[in-house]
Amino acid sequence: MDPAKVREALLGGFANSRVLEVHGQRLLDGNYTPGFKARLHQKDMRIVLDAAASWASRFPAPLSSLSFSMP
């Protein structure tokens, strides 16, 4: 399959998103330069884990805690 044609088809349907539009083109161009700081990922995961801990009985998130550890 031609990756550019796959991206074009997805952009025309329900999969269309700004992320696919921008980052899909970056992938086609071979541009793998990081675009988001790791510390911001850590901040977001801390929010997820804190929320999950406070609602653990109703919304367990075992994979989130396995995929992220913060000192």
Protein backbone atom coordinates (compact mmCIF):
# COMPACT_ATOMS: atom_id res chain seq x y z
CA MET A 1 0.00 0.00 0.00
CA ASP A 2 1.09 3.52 -0.68
CA PRO A 3 1.29 5.27 2.73
CA ALA A 4 0.39 8.64 1.21
CA LYS A 5 -2.80 7.18 -0.29
CA VAL A 6 -3.72 5.54 3.03
CA ARG A 7 -3.27 8.86 4.82
CA GLU A 8 -5.33 10.63 2.16
CA ALA A 9 -8.16 8.08 2.50
CA LEU A 10 -8.17 8.38 6.30
CA LEU A 11 -8.23 12.18 6.14
CA GLY A 12 -11.41 11.96 4.07
CA GLY A 13 -13.33 9.90 6.62
CA PHE A 14 -14.09 9.69 10.32
CA ALA A 15 -10.39 9.15 11.13
CA ASN A 16 -9.66 12.71 10.03
CA SER A 17 -7.91 14.70 12.73
CA ARG A 18 -5.36 17.45 13.10
CA VAL A 19 -2.93 14.89 14.52
CA LEU A 20 -3.22 12.69 11.42
CA GLU A 21 -2.98 15.71 9.17
CA VAL A 22 0.23 17.06 10.73
CA HIS A 23 2.00 13.99 12.07
CA GLY A 24 0.92 11.74 9.22
CA GLN A 25 2.69 14.08 6.84
CA ARG A 26 5.74 14.15 9.12
CA LEU A 27 5.91 10.34 8.95
CA LEU A 28 5.60 10.38 5.17
CA ASP A 29 8.43 12.92 5.04
CA GLY A 30 10.61 10.78 7.34
CA ASN A 31 10.62 13.55 9.96
CA TYR A 32 10.88 11.84 13.34
CA THR A 33 11.99 14.90 15.29
CA PRO A 34 10.34 14.87 18.72
CA GLY A 35 7.60 17.43 19.05
CA PHE A 36 6.52 17.10 22.67
CA LYS A 37 8.66 17.31 25.78
CA ALA A 38 8.96 14.23 28.00
CA ARG A 39 8.30 16.33 31.10
CA LEU A 40 4.87 17.22 29.71
CA HIS A 41 4.12 13.52 29.16
CA GLN A 42 5.16 12.92 32.77
CA LYS A 43 2.86 15.70 33.99
CA ASP A 44 -0.08 14.28 32.04
CA MET A 45 0.55 10.73 33.27
CA ARG A 46 0.79 11.98 36.86
CA ILE A 47 -2.68 13.55 36.42
CA VAL A 48 -4.02 10.26 35.03
CA LEU A 49 -2.51 8.20 37.87
CA ASP A 50 -3.70 10.61 40.56
CA ALA A 51 -7.22 10.57 39.14
CA ALA A 52 -7.17 6.78 38.85
CA ALA A 53 -5.96 6.43 42.44
CA SER A 54 -8.79 8.59 43.75
CA TRP A 55 -11.36 6.57 41.78
CA ALA A 56 -9.59 3.19 41.92
CA SER A 57 -12.67 1.23 42.89
CA ARG A 58 -14.63 2.54 39.91
CA PHE A 59 -11.94 3.20 37.29
CA PRO A 60 -8.90 0.94 37.70
CA ALA A 61 -5.97 1.83 35.44
CA PRO A 62 -3.44 -0.96 35.94
CA LEU A 63 -1.65 -0.47 32.62
CA SER A 64 -1.13 3.24 33.22
CA SER A 65 0.76 2.55 36.40
CA LEU A 66 2.81 -0.20 34.71
CA SER A 67 3.78 2.01 31.79
CA PHE A 68 4.89 4.99 33.84
CA SER A 69 6.99 5.49 36.92
CA MET A 70 8.10 8.77 38.34
CA PRO A 71 10.57 9.26 41.17
